N, C-alpha and C. Protein backbone atom coordinates (compact mmCIF):
# COMPACT_ATOMS: atom_id res chain seq x y z
N MET A 1 0.74 -1.25 0.14
CA MET A 1 -0.08 -0.06 0.20
C MET A 1 0.82 1.20 -0.06
N ASP A 2 1.93 1.26 0.74
CA ASP A 2 2.90 2.32 0.71
C ASP A 2 3.12 2.68 -0.73
N GLN A 3 3.50 1.70 -1.57
CA GLN A 3 4.07 1.98 -2.91
C GLN A 3 2.99 2.71 -3.65
N ILE A 4 1.70 2.48 -3.49
CA ILE A 4 0.69 3.23 -4.15
C ILE A 4 0.55 4.59 -3.65
N ARG A 5 0.79 4.70 -2.31
CA ARG A 5 0.55 6.15 -1.89
C ARG A 5 1.61 6.96 -2.14
N THR A 6 2.85 6.27 -2.33
CA THR A 6 4.04 7.27 -2.87
C THR A 6 3.83 7.56 -4.21
N TYR A 7 3.36 6.50 -5.03
CA TYR A 7 2.90 6.94 -6.59
C TYR A 7 1.88 7.94 -6.71
N PHE A 8 1.01 7.89 -5.82
CA PHE A 8 -0.12 9.04 -5.84
C PHE A 8 0.49 10.48 -5.41
N ASN A 9 1.32 10.44 -4.38
CA ASN A 9 1.87 11.51 -3.96
C ASN A 9 2.52 12.36 -4.81
N ARG A 10 3.06 11.56 -5.79
CA ARG A 10 3.94 12.52 -6.84
C ARG A 10 3.04 13.47 -7.57
N PHE A 11 1.61 13.00 -7.54
CA PHE A 11 0.84 13.73 -8.52
C PHE A 11 -0.06 14.82 -7.54
N ILE A 12 -0.65 14.38 -6.50
CA ILE A 12 -1.54 15.11 -5.56
C ILE A 12 -1.32 14.47 -4.19
N GLU A 13 -1.27 14.97 -3.14
CA GLU A 13 -1.32 14.36 -1.92
C GLU A 13 -2.65 14.33 -1.37
N LEU A 14 -2.98 12.90 -1.02
CA LEU A 14 -4.39 12.79 -0.34
C LEU A 14 -4.35 12.84 0.98
N THR A 15 -5.40 13.38 1.62
CA THR A 15 -5.54 13.45 3.08
C THR A 15 -5.73 12.15 3.65
N ASP A 16 -5.53 11.87 4.93
CA ASP A 16 -5.57 10.61 5.59
C ASP A 16 -7.04 9.98 5.37
N GLU A 17 -8.06 10.74 5.42
CA GLU A 17 -9.31 10.47 5.15
C GLU A 17 -9.55 9.87 3.73
N GLU A 18 -9.13 10.57 2.77
CA GLU A 18 -9.15 10.12 1.33
C GLU A 18 -8.47 8.99 1.10
N TRP A 19 -7.27 8.80 1.69
CA TRP A 19 -6.38 7.65 1.62
C TRP A 19 -7.41 6.34 2.22
N ARG A 20 -7.71 6.55 3.37
CA ARG A 20 -8.44 5.44 3.92
C ARG A 20 -9.48 5.03 3.17
N ALA A 21 -10.37 6.03 2.59
CA ALA A 21 -11.48 5.66 1.67
C ALA A 21 -11.08 4.93 0.50
N PHE A 22 -10.05 5.43 -0.03
CA PHE A 22 -9.30 4.66 -1.22
C PHE A 22 -8.91 3.36 -1.01
N GLY A 23 -8.21 3.13 0.18
CA GLY A 23 -7.64 1.77 0.39
C GLY A 23 -8.56 0.96 0.81
N SER A 24 -9.73 1.28 1.37
CA SER A 24 -10.90 0.37 1.62
C SER A 24 -11.60 -0.09 0.49
N CYS A 25 -11.20 0.43 -0.86
CA CYS A 25 -11.79 0.10 -2.09
C CYS A 25 -10.87 -0.93 -2.70
N LEU A 26 -9.64 -0.95 -2.26
CA LEU A 26 -8.70 -1.63 -3.13
C LEU A 26 -8.64 -3.18 -2.61
N GLN A 27 -8.51 -4.21 -3.65
CA GLN A 27 -8.53 -5.52 -3.41
C GLN A 27 -7.22 -6.11 -3.66
N TYR A 28 -6.41 -6.61 -2.80
CA TYR A 28 -4.95 -7.11 -3.04
C TYR A 28 -5.12 -8.59 -3.66
N THR A 29 -4.44 -8.72 -4.68
CA THR A 29 -4.56 -10.03 -5.37
C THR A 29 -3.26 -10.44 -5.89
N LYS A 30 -3.07 -11.88 -5.71
CA LYS A 30 -1.83 -12.58 -6.38
C LYS A 30 -2.22 -12.98 -7.57
N VAL A 31 -1.47 -12.83 -8.55
CA VAL A 31 -1.79 -13.30 -9.92
C VAL A 31 -0.38 -14.36 -10.34
N ALA A 32 -0.85 -15.51 -10.75
CA ALA A 32 0.11 -16.46 -11.03
C ALA A 32 0.68 -16.17 -12.54
N ARG A 33 1.94 -16.71 -12.62
CA ARG A 33 2.47 -16.44 -14.06
C ARG A 33 1.63 -17.36 -14.95
N GLY A 34 1.30 -16.58 -16.09
CA GLY A 34 0.53 -17.22 -17.35
C GLY A 34 -1.01 -17.00 -16.89
N SER A 35 -1.64 -16.59 -15.85
CA SER A 35 -2.88 -16.37 -15.59
C SER A 35 -3.27 -14.84 -16.43
N LEU A 36 -4.61 -14.91 -16.72
CA LEU A 36 -5.14 -13.86 -17.38
C LEU A 36 -5.85 -12.83 -16.27
N LEU A 37 -5.47 -11.78 -16.45
CA LEU A 37 -6.20 -10.77 -15.46
C LEU A 37 -7.25 -10.16 -16.32
N LEU A 38 -7.44 -10.26 -17.62
CA LEU A 38 -8.61 -9.87 -18.36
C LEU A 38 -8.44 -10.96 -19.60
N ASN A 39 -9.72 -11.30 -20.16
CA ASN A 39 -9.84 -12.04 -21.37
C ASN A 39 -10.48 -11.18 -22.38
N ALA A 40 -10.15 -11.33 -23.79
CA ALA A 40 -10.73 -10.60 -24.72
C ALA A 40 -12.21 -11.13 -24.74
N GLY A 41 -13.08 -10.09 -25.12
CA GLY A 41 -14.34 -10.39 -25.00
C GLY A 41 -15.06 -10.02 -23.52
N GLU A 42 -14.27 -9.90 -22.67
CA GLU A 42 -15.01 -9.45 -21.33
C GLU A 42 -14.79 -7.93 -21.27
N LYS A 43 -15.80 -7.40 -20.47
CA LYS A 43 -15.87 -5.93 -20.05
C LYS A 43 -14.83 -5.75 -18.87
N CYS A 44 -13.92 -4.69 -19.14
CA CYS A 44 -12.88 -4.49 -18.15
C CYS A 44 -13.61 -3.45 -17.15
N ASP A 45 -13.76 -3.91 -15.83
CA ASP A 45 -14.14 -2.98 -14.90
C ASP A 45 -13.44 -2.79 -13.77
N SER A 46 -12.33 -2.75 -14.07
CA SER A 46 -11.16 -2.52 -12.88
C SER A 46 -9.86 -1.90 -13.53
N LEU A 47 -9.15 -1.26 -12.54
CA LEU A 47 -7.79 -0.80 -12.84
C LEU A 47 -6.89 -1.57 -11.65
N ALA A 48 -5.88 -1.94 -12.12
CA ALA A 48 -4.91 -2.76 -11.16
C ALA A 48 -3.47 -1.92 -11.28
N PHE A 49 -3.36 -1.75 -10.02
CA PHE A 49 -1.85 -1.17 -9.72
C PHE A 49 -0.73 -2.33 -9.35
N ILE A 50 0.13 -2.47 -10.31
CA ILE A 50 1.16 -3.65 -10.03
C ILE A 50 2.10 -3.26 -8.87
N GLN A 51 1.87 -3.92 -7.82
CA GLN A 51 2.85 -3.74 -6.82
C GLN A 51 4.21 -4.58 -7.24
N GLN A 52 3.88 -5.88 -7.77
CA GLN A 52 5.00 -6.46 -8.12
C GLN A 52 4.71 -7.43 -9.16
N GLY A 53 5.58 -7.44 -10.26
CA GLY A 53 5.58 -8.33 -11.38
C GLY A 53 5.58 -7.60 -12.66
N LEU A 54 5.02 -8.49 -13.73
CA LEU A 54 5.22 -8.06 -15.02
C LEU A 54 3.93 -8.43 -15.85
N PHE A 55 3.30 -7.77 -16.78
CA PHE A 55 2.17 -8.12 -17.58
C PHE A 55 2.45 -7.91 -18.82
N ARG A 56 1.70 -8.48 -19.78
CA ARG A 56 1.58 -8.14 -21.15
C ARG A 56 0.22 -7.89 -21.51
N PHE A 57 0.06 -6.92 -22.61
CA PHE A 57 -1.37 -6.58 -22.95
C PHE A 57 -1.29 -6.83 -24.69
N TYR A 58 -2.16 -7.87 -24.99
CA TYR A 58 -1.98 -8.20 -26.36
C TYR A 58 -3.36 -8.63 -26.88
N THR A 59 -3.41 -8.67 -28.19
CA THR A 59 -4.50 -9.10 -28.98
C THR A 59 -4.26 -10.21 -29.91
N LEU A 60 -5.29 -10.73 -30.41
CA LEU A 60 -4.91 -11.97 -31.42
C LEU A 60 -5.53 -11.23 -32.61
N ARG A 61 -4.72 -11.47 -33.62
CA ARG A 61 -5.14 -11.00 -35.20
C ARG A 61 -4.73 -12.09 -36.13
N ASP A 62 -5.87 -12.63 -36.70
CA ASP A 62 -5.47 -13.82 -37.69
C ASP A 62 -4.58 -14.97 -36.89
N GLY A 63 -4.94 -15.22 -35.76
CA GLY A 63 -4.26 -16.34 -35.06
C GLY A 63 -2.75 -16.03 -34.64
N GLU A 64 -2.45 -14.57 -34.72
CA GLU A 64 -0.97 -14.09 -34.28
C GLU A 64 -1.17 -13.32 -33.10
N GLU A 65 -0.46 -13.44 -32.14
CA GLU A 65 -0.17 -12.37 -31.08
C GLU A 65 0.30 -11.21 -31.52
N LYS A 66 -0.28 -9.93 -31.14
CA LYS A 66 0.00 -8.62 -31.28
C LYS A 66 0.27 -8.11 -29.81
N ILE A 67 1.47 -7.94 -29.54
CA ILE A 67 1.65 -7.26 -28.10
C ILE A 67 1.63 -5.75 -28.24
N THR A 68 0.92 -5.08 -27.59
CA THR A 68 0.84 -3.65 -27.55
C THR A 68 1.04 -2.94 -26.27
N GLY A 69 1.57 -3.88 -25.35
CA GLY A 69 2.23 -3.28 -24.25
C GLY A 69 2.84 -4.08 -23.15
N PHE A 70 3.69 -3.73 -22.50
CA PHE A 70 4.24 -4.37 -21.26
C PHE A 70 3.98 -3.42 -20.02
N PHE A 71 3.80 -3.86 -19.06
CA PHE A 71 3.45 -3.17 -17.90
C PHE A 71 4.25 -3.79 -16.47
N PHE A 72 5.10 -2.77 -15.85
CA PHE A 72 6.04 -3.34 -14.81
C PHE A 72 5.53 -2.77 -13.43
N SER A 73 6.18 -3.43 -12.40
CA SER A 73 5.92 -2.83 -11.08
C SER A 73 5.87 -1.53 -10.94
N GLY A 74 4.92 -0.85 -10.18
CA GLY A 74 4.73 0.58 -10.12
C GLY A 74 3.79 1.20 -11.36
N ASP A 75 3.39 0.27 -12.21
CA ASP A 75 2.35 0.91 -13.40
C ASP A 75 0.90 0.41 -13.17
N PHE A 76 0.12 1.09 -13.70
CA PHE A 76 -1.28 0.63 -13.63
C PHE A 76 -1.46 -0.17 -15.01
N VAL A 77 -2.30 -1.35 -14.63
CA VAL A 77 -2.62 -2.03 -16.00
C VAL A 77 -4.19 -2.26 -16.09
N SER A 78 -4.72 -2.02 -17.22
CA SER A 78 -6.20 -2.13 -17.56
C SER A 78 -6.32 -1.90 -19.05
N ASN A 79 -7.47 -2.42 -19.56
CA ASN A 79 -7.88 -2.16 -20.94
C ASN A 79 -8.65 -0.76 -20.67
N TYR A 80 -8.10 0.41 -20.60
CA TYR A 80 -8.73 1.42 -20.21
C TYR A 80 -9.87 2.03 -21.14
N ARG A 81 -9.58 1.73 -22.34
CA ARG A 81 -10.85 1.83 -23.36
C ARG A 81 -12.19 1.13 -22.97
N SER A 82 -11.91 -0.04 -22.64
CA SER A 82 -13.09 -0.88 -22.02
C SER A 82 -13.58 -0.23 -20.69
N PHE A 83 -12.80 -0.02 -20.08
CA PHE A 83 -12.95 0.44 -18.56
C PHE A 83 -14.02 1.75 -18.60
N LEU A 84 -13.58 2.70 -19.74
CA LEU A 84 -14.27 3.78 -19.84
C LEU A 84 -15.52 3.73 -20.62
N THR A 85 -15.74 2.74 -21.49
CA THR A 85 -16.81 2.75 -22.40
C THR A 85 -17.88 1.60 -21.94
N GLY A 86 -17.22 0.52 -21.11
CA GLY A 86 -18.25 -0.50 -20.93
C GLY A 86 -18.16 -1.58 -22.06
N GLN A 87 -17.39 -1.26 -23.08
CA GLN A 87 -17.44 -2.34 -24.06
C GLN A 87 -16.49 -3.33 -23.88
N PRO A 88 -16.80 -4.50 -24.46
CA PRO A 88 -15.94 -5.84 -24.38
C PRO A 88 -14.39 -5.45 -24.94
N SER A 89 -13.52 -6.03 -24.15
CA SER A 89 -12.12 -5.69 -24.44
C SER A 89 -11.69 -6.68 -25.66
N ASP A 90 -10.82 -6.13 -26.59
CA ASP A 90 -10.49 -6.80 -27.61
C ASP A 90 -8.98 -7.27 -27.18
N HIS A 91 -8.30 -7.14 -26.00
CA HIS A 91 -7.19 -7.41 -25.77
C HIS A 91 -7.20 -8.51 -24.51
N TYR A 92 -6.09 -9.07 -24.22
CA TYR A 92 -6.00 -9.99 -23.00
C TYR A 92 -4.73 -9.16 -22.10
N ILE A 93 -4.97 -9.35 -20.78
CA ILE A 93 -3.79 -8.98 -20.13
C ILE A 93 -3.41 -10.20 -19.29
N GLU A 94 -2.03 -10.49 -19.43
CA GLU A 94 -1.48 -11.80 -18.97
C GLU A 94 -0.34 -11.59 -17.98
N ALA A 95 -0.25 -12.15 -16.99
CA ALA A 95 0.93 -12.07 -15.88
C ALA A 95 1.96 -12.99 -16.50
N MET A 96 3.11 -12.32 -16.74
CA MET A 96 4.51 -12.97 -17.43
C MET A 96 5.24 -13.62 -16.20
N GLN A 97 4.87 -13.16 -15.04
CA GLN A 97 5.68 -13.82 -13.86
C GLN A 97 4.68 -13.63 -12.73
N ASP A 98 4.80 -14.65 -11.61
CA ASP A 98 4.00 -14.16 -10.38
C ASP A 98 3.98 -12.78 -10.01
N SER A 99 2.79 -12.49 -9.73
CA SER A 99 2.46 -10.85 -9.58
C SER A 99 1.71 -10.65 -8.45
N ALA A 100 1.72 -9.46 -7.97
CA ALA A 100 0.61 -9.02 -6.86
C ALA A 100 0.19 -7.49 -7.45
N VAL A 101 -1.11 -7.54 -7.45
CA VAL A 101 -1.83 -6.28 -7.77
C VAL A 101 -2.79 -5.81 -6.75
N HIS A 102 -3.01 -4.58 -6.77
CA HIS A 102 -4.03 -4.01 -6.04
C HIS A 102 -5.12 -3.42 -6.99
N ILE A 103 -6.43 -4.04 -6.88
CA ILE A 103 -7.51 -3.65 -8.05
C ILE A 103 -8.65 -2.72 -7.52
N ILE A 104 -9.09 -1.85 -8.20
CA ILE A 104 -10.11 -1.12 -7.81
C ILE A 104 -11.27 -1.31 -8.79
N ARG A 105 -12.32 -1.46 -8.54
CA ARG A 105 -13.52 -1.60 -9.50
C ARG A 105 -13.94 -0.15 -9.88
N HIS A 106 -14.47 -0.24 -11.07
CA HIS A 106 -15.04 0.97 -11.66
C HIS A 106 -16.13 1.60 -10.94
N ARG A 107 -16.97 1.02 -10.33
CA ARG A 107 -18.08 1.40 -9.43
C ARG A 107 -17.51 2.14 -8.01
N ASP A 108 -16.53 1.50 -7.64
CA ASP A 108 -15.71 2.13 -6.43
C ASP A 108 -15.13 3.32 -6.69
N LEU A 109 -14.49 3.39 -7.83
CA LEU A 109 -13.79 4.67 -8.26
C LEU A 109 -14.58 5.75 -8.55
N GLN A 110 -15.77 5.48 -9.15
CA GLN A 110 -16.72 6.47 -9.37
C GLN A 110 -17.36 7.13 -8.23
N SER A 111 -17.55 6.12 -7.18
CA SER A 111 -18.03 6.69 -5.96
C SER A 111 -16.96 7.53 -5.32
N LEU A 112 -15.75 7.22 -5.11
CA LEU A 112 -14.64 8.09 -4.65
C LEU A 112 -14.56 9.33 -5.42
N TYR A 113 -14.78 9.41 -6.77
CA TYR A 113 -14.79 10.69 -7.46
C TYR A 113 -15.90 11.61 -6.96
N ASP A 114 -17.12 11.01 -6.71
CA ASP A 114 -18.34 11.82 -6.22
C ASP A 114 -18.04 12.29 -4.80
N ARG A 115 -17.20 11.58 -3.89
CA ARG A 115 -17.14 11.94 -2.65
C ARG A 115 -16.08 12.89 -2.33
N TYR A 116 -15.03 12.91 -3.15
CA TYR A 116 -13.77 13.53 -2.94
C TYR A 116 -13.21 14.20 -3.96
N LYS A 117 -13.07 15.56 -4.02
CA LYS A 117 -12.72 16.35 -5.20
C LYS A 117 -11.16 15.93 -5.64
N ASN A 118 -10.44 15.77 -4.53
CA ASN A 118 -8.87 15.53 -4.86
C ASN A 118 -8.82 13.88 -5.47
N MET A 119 -9.57 13.08 -5.25
CA MET A 119 -9.75 11.94 -6.05
C MET A 119 -10.09 11.78 -7.36
N GLU A 120 -10.94 12.83 -7.64
CA GLU A 120 -11.35 13.12 -9.15
C GLU A 120 -10.25 13.76 -9.96
N ARG A 121 -9.40 14.76 -9.22
CA ARG A 121 -8.32 15.40 -9.73
C ARG A 121 -7.37 14.40 -10.00
N LEU A 122 -6.90 13.47 -9.15
CA LEU A 122 -5.84 12.52 -9.28
C LEU A 122 -6.43 11.48 -10.42
N GLY A 123 -7.68 11.26 -10.37
CA GLY A 123 -8.05 10.26 -11.64
C GLY A 123 -7.86 11.20 -12.94
N ARG A 124 -8.06 12.43 -13.11
CA ARG A 124 -7.99 13.20 -14.04
C ARG A 124 -6.53 13.02 -14.61
N PHE A 125 -5.73 13.28 -13.57
CA PHE A 125 -4.27 13.42 -13.81
C PHE A 125 -3.73 11.99 -14.39
N ILE A 126 -4.14 10.93 -13.94
CA ILE A 126 -3.70 9.65 -14.36
C ILE A 126 -4.22 9.36 -15.57
N SER A 127 -5.37 9.93 -15.99
CA SER A 127 -5.92 9.71 -17.31
C SER A 127 -5.16 10.46 -18.32
N GLU A 128 -4.65 11.62 -17.95
CA GLU A 128 -3.82 12.48 -18.94
C GLU A 128 -2.54 11.77 -19.07
N GLN A 129 -2.01 11.24 -17.98
CA GLN A 129 -0.80 10.60 -17.99
C GLN A 129 -0.84 9.25 -19.02
N LEU A 130 -1.83 8.64 -19.03
CA LEU A 130 -2.08 7.31 -19.89
C LEU A 130 -2.28 7.84 -21.21
N TYR A 131 -2.83 8.98 -21.62
CA TYR A 131 -3.15 9.52 -22.78
C TYR A 131 -1.73 9.85 -23.48
N LEU A 132 -0.97 10.54 -22.35
CA LEU A 132 0.44 10.89 -23.11
C LEU A 132 1.27 9.67 -23.43
N THR A 133 1.14 8.64 -22.56
CA THR A 133 1.73 7.33 -22.93
C THR A 133 1.46 6.90 -24.26
N VAL A 134 0.21 6.85 -24.50
CA VAL A 134 -0.45 6.26 -25.85
C VAL A 134 -0.08 7.09 -27.04
N ALA A 135 0.05 8.58 -26.77
CA ALA A 135 0.50 9.49 -27.82
C ALA A 135 1.85 9.20 -28.15
N SER A 136 2.56 9.03 -27.14
CA SER A 136 4.01 8.88 -27.18
C SER A 136 4.31 7.58 -28.12
N ARG A 137 3.50 6.52 -27.77
CA ARG A 137 3.80 5.24 -28.57
C ARG A 137 3.46 5.35 -29.92
N LEU A 138 2.49 6.10 -30.16
CA LEU A 138 1.96 6.32 -31.62
C LEU A 138 2.99 7.24 -32.39
N ASP A 139 3.67 8.31 -31.67
CA ASP A 139 4.57 8.91 -32.17
C ASP A 139 5.87 8.30 -32.59
N SER A 140 6.03 7.16 -31.74
CA SER A 140 7.33 6.38 -31.74
C SER A 140 7.17 5.61 -33.08
N PHE A 141 5.99 5.07 -33.28
CA PHE A 141 5.81 4.33 -34.41
C PHE A 141 5.83 4.91 -35.81
N MET A 142 5.61 6.24 -35.65
CA MET A 142 5.52 7.15 -36.83
C MET A 142 6.85 7.67 -37.29
N PHE A 143 7.54 7.99 -36.05
CA PHE A 143 9.01 8.86 -36.45
C PHE A 143 10.28 8.05 -35.86
N ASP A 144 10.24 7.05 -35.04
CA ASP A 144 11.15 6.46 -34.65
C ASP A 144 11.65 5.18 -35.33
N THR A 145 12.80 4.82 -35.46
CA THR A 145 13.23 3.52 -36.00
C THR A 145 13.00 2.50 -35.03
N PRO A 146 13.04 1.14 -35.37
CA PRO A 146 12.82 -0.01 -34.62
C PRO A 146 13.97 0.04 -33.39
N ALA A 147 15.03 0.45 -33.87
CA ALA A 147 16.27 0.53 -33.00
C ALA A 147 16.02 1.45 -31.87
N GLU A 148 15.47 2.73 -32.22
CA GLU A 148 15.22 3.63 -31.27
C GLU A 148 13.98 3.20 -30.36
N ARG A 149 12.95 2.53 -30.78
CA ARG A 149 11.98 2.00 -30.01
C ARG A 149 12.53 0.95 -29.18
N TYR A 150 13.43 0.21 -29.56
CA TYR A 150 13.90 -0.80 -28.59
C TYR A 150 14.67 -0.21 -27.42
N LEU A 151 15.66 0.90 -27.90
CA LEU A 151 16.35 1.71 -26.78
C LEU A 151 15.31 2.16 -25.85
N ALA A 152 14.46 2.89 -26.17
CA ALA A 152 13.31 3.52 -25.38
C ALA A 152 12.56 2.53 -24.40
N LEU A 153 12.51 1.23 -24.86
CA LEU A 153 12.12 0.10 -24.22
C LEU A 153 12.94 -0.34 -22.94
N GLN A 154 14.30 -0.47 -23.39
CA GLN A 154 15.27 -0.92 -22.84
C GLN A 154 15.60 0.11 -21.59
N LYS A 155 15.49 1.23 -21.95
CA LYS A 155 15.66 2.44 -20.90
C LYS A 155 14.55 2.55 -19.86
N ARG A 156 13.37 2.07 -20.21
CA ARG A 156 12.27 1.93 -19.20
C ARG A 156 12.38 0.97 -18.13
N ASN A 157 12.96 -0.23 -18.49
CA ASN A 157 13.15 -1.30 -17.45
C ASN A 157 13.89 -2.39 -18.17
N SER A 158 15.07 -2.09 -18.25
CA SER A 158 16.27 -3.09 -18.89
C SER A 158 16.36 -4.41 -18.02
N LYS A 159 16.26 -4.36 -16.75
CA LYS A 159 16.26 -5.64 -15.94
C LYS A 159 15.15 -6.58 -16.27
N LEU A 160 13.98 -6.15 -16.20
CA LEU A 160 12.88 -6.98 -16.53
C LEU A 160 12.86 -7.35 -17.95
N LEU A 161 13.30 -6.33 -18.91
CA LEU A 161 13.22 -6.65 -20.28
C LEU A 161 14.10 -8.15 -20.72
N GLU A 162 15.07 -8.21 -19.86
CA GLU A 162 15.68 -9.58 -20.07
C GLU A 162 14.96 -10.77 -19.79
N GLU A 163 13.76 -10.59 -19.13
CA GLU A 163 12.98 -11.91 -18.78
C GLU A 163 11.78 -12.01 -19.88
N ILE A 164 11.67 -10.98 -20.72
CA ILE A 164 10.66 -11.18 -21.89
C ILE A 164 11.19 -11.96 -23.09
N PRO A 165 10.61 -12.88 -23.63
CA PRO A 165 11.15 -13.55 -24.73
C PRO A 165 11.27 -12.50 -25.92
N GLN A 166 12.46 -12.93 -26.60
CA GLN A 166 12.65 -12.04 -27.77
C GLN A 166 11.38 -11.87 -28.93
N TYR A 167 10.64 -12.84 -29.18
CA TYR A 167 9.61 -12.83 -30.16
C TYR A 167 8.45 -11.83 -29.48
N MET A 168 8.25 -11.68 -28.09
CA MET A 168 7.33 -10.75 -27.62
C MET A 168 7.89 -9.49 -27.81
N ILE A 169 9.10 -9.29 -27.61
CA ILE A 169 9.65 -7.83 -27.61
C ILE A 169 9.52 -7.38 -29.11
N ALA A 170 9.91 -8.22 -29.99
CA ALA A 170 9.81 -7.99 -31.40
C ALA A 170 8.21 -7.70 -31.94
N SER A 171 7.32 -8.35 -31.33
CA SER A 171 5.96 -8.01 -31.68
C SER A 171 5.59 -6.69 -31.13
N TYR A 172 6.01 -6.37 -29.93
CA TYR A 172 5.83 -4.99 -29.27
C TYR A 172 6.30 -3.91 -30.17
N LEU A 173 7.52 -4.23 -30.77
CA LEU A 173 8.25 -3.19 -31.43
C LEU A 173 7.70 -3.05 -32.90
N GLY A 174 6.81 -4.07 -33.34
CA GLY A 174 6.28 -4.06 -34.63
C GLY A 174 7.21 -4.60 -35.69
N ILE A 175 8.22 -5.40 -35.23
CA ILE A 175 9.19 -5.83 -36.23
C ILE A 175 9.35 -7.70 -36.04
N LYS A 176 10.11 -8.15 -36.91
CA LYS A 176 10.35 -9.71 -36.78
C LYS A 176 11.43 -9.98 -35.78
N PRO A 177 11.43 -11.00 -35.16
CA PRO A 177 12.58 -11.46 -34.17
C PRO A 177 13.95 -11.35 -34.87
N GLU A 178 14.23 -11.77 -36.14
CA GLU A 178 15.43 -11.59 -36.87
C GLU A 178 15.92 -10.30 -36.81
N THR A 179 15.10 -9.27 -36.99
CA THR A 179 15.37 -7.62 -36.81
C THR A 179 15.77 -7.44 -35.38
N LEU A 180 15.03 -7.77 -34.56
CA LEU A 180 15.38 -7.54 -33.24
C LEU A 180 16.91 -8.12 -32.72
N SER A 181 17.28 -9.34 -33.37
CA SER A 181 18.41 -9.93 -33.11
C SER A 181 19.64 -8.97 -33.71
N ARG A 182 19.30 -8.47 -35.06
CA ARG A 182 20.41 -7.58 -35.65
C ARG A 182 20.58 -6.36 -34.70
N ILE A 183 19.52 -5.67 -34.10
CA ILE A 183 19.43 -4.49 -33.39
C ILE A 183 20.28 -4.90 -32.15
N ARG A 184 20.14 -5.87 -31.40
CA ARG A 184 20.79 -6.34 -30.32
C ARG A 184 22.27 -6.65 -30.63
N ALA A 185 22.53 -7.00 -31.56
CA ALA A 185 23.97 -7.48 -32.02
C ALA A 185 24.81 -6.04 -32.23
N ARG A 186 24.18 -5.04 -32.75
CA ARG A 186 24.66 -3.81 -32.97
C ARG A 186 25.13 -3.06 -31.80
N GLN A 187 24.51 -3.32 -30.66
CA GLN A 187 24.74 -2.61 -29.28
C GLN A 187 25.72 -3.07 -28.56
């Protein structure tokens, strides 16, 4: 719980009352490696803060996995589009190692927003950060080389990156595994 509070305090400091209300809505859950936090076709009704672990966010297209995100300790993981719209997810969220998360349900978060202005401000700020992350990824695909995208991912979390299979990293970067091998060989 301290990790979440530290994370939130970077953006806005919640009062002890706000923190207690928020904490009472969180559900601590352990997720085994290979387990799905979300299946495609399900509605995503929660946000999960990763206390420990690693998750991948992927979809299946023509029988092939397309990885669109990796989420590390200290990140939030969710299909935010499904969370906001209530529409079924077209992505899966899978634990790539034994993990621990704190989950908050959509209805509980909405209740906190209604009760506490600071919670609403915090939610808006986190939403803005998620938007900036997506916009940055889109810009990266438009303007960066695969090598530059790999270096950015490596800079984000090089230790855990070593635990991700090469074919998954290649999928995330939008390249073939052979291309990733050449990029790694040049470093």
